[in-house]
Amino acid sequence: MATGRDGPGGHVLVVGSTMIDLVAYTQRVPEAGETLVGDRFQMGFGGKGANQAVMAALAGARVAMVNAVGEDSYGEMTVSNFGSFGVDTEHVHVVPGESGVAPIWVEPDGTNRIIIVPGANNGLTAEMASDAVASSAGLSVVVGQLEVPQAATAAGFAEARSRGVLTVLNPAPAAELEPALLAVTDWLIPNEVEFGLLAHGAEPDDAAIVEYSERTGTRLLVTLGGDGVAVVCDDGSVSRIEADVVEAVDTTGAGDAFVGSFVAGLAAGLDETAAIRLGMTCAGESVTRPGTQTSFPSRERCAEIMAACP
């Protein structure tokens, strides 16, 4: 099932989820027991892992996906979609059951509420993940999230670490992180809500961010929506980088746009600050359009953004 294509950047492998996004646009979300008439509906491809893989490919990386899909039309559609972006699907496994879905509600100001039903994503095993990393030559970065079993991501990361490959974890949806996974994570990238949940209610001020980075033993970058990002530097200080001001239409997938383009930047050899700015620009442009993967900057636009990075 290999459908990959070489990009000008490095090689990124994503251990993560695939979902079919079922998006309803509505003036407001319903109260308990209430039925509303929505404005419109859109079906698209999502899942944090899939989104990040697609964004990294658009940003010029050579990308492979490690995942499990169901024995249904959604699984077939997902594999075909990856192929359209040049993402290698050799390690996308078909398992019994249904593919993952994500019903999403989006309000006029771009605010979204999402329920994920993992389905076949839970069928991804530690062996699948470690074998994929072991058989992939020239890897630059391995990326994971929390929509597949942590044991699978930990196994993939451990294999990556043994080969000197950088590991990046987007801990979303937020959950207690297993020690085995943290032990093999180089970069941890939560958003501000996820940071609060992981850090037991702490606000993302400099002291709390440094403390959590020290406690987890990771490089820590917290995305703050319209307020940009906060990142713990090598010397233990916190650097805050402001985001461009944009008019948000739909924030769905913005965090994935950031992570995917950020790791593509690192894989291409950009320094951390340039990779962060690449991620912020791609994420900022994505919220100005509806949808998830359909809102991401095009391959051509990503090349322009990348060329402007120092």
Foldseek 3Di string as FASTA:
>chain_A
DFLADAFLFFEEEEEFAKAWEWEFEAQDDDDVPDDDDTDDIDIDIDTLRLLLQLLLLLLGHTYEYAFEAEPDVVVVVSVVVCNVSRYTDPRYHYDYWHAKYKYKYAHQQQDIDIDIDHIRRQVRALVSLLVVLVPDPRHAEYEYEVSYPLSNQLSNLVSCVVVVHAYEYAHPPADAHDLSNLVSHAEYEYEQVSLCVNLVRDGPDFVSQLVVCVVSVYWYKYQYVQQAIWTQDPVSGIDGDGADDDRFRHQPQLVSSLNSQLVSCVRRPHPNVLSSNLSRVQSRQLRNDDDHSVSGDGSVVSVVSNVPRD
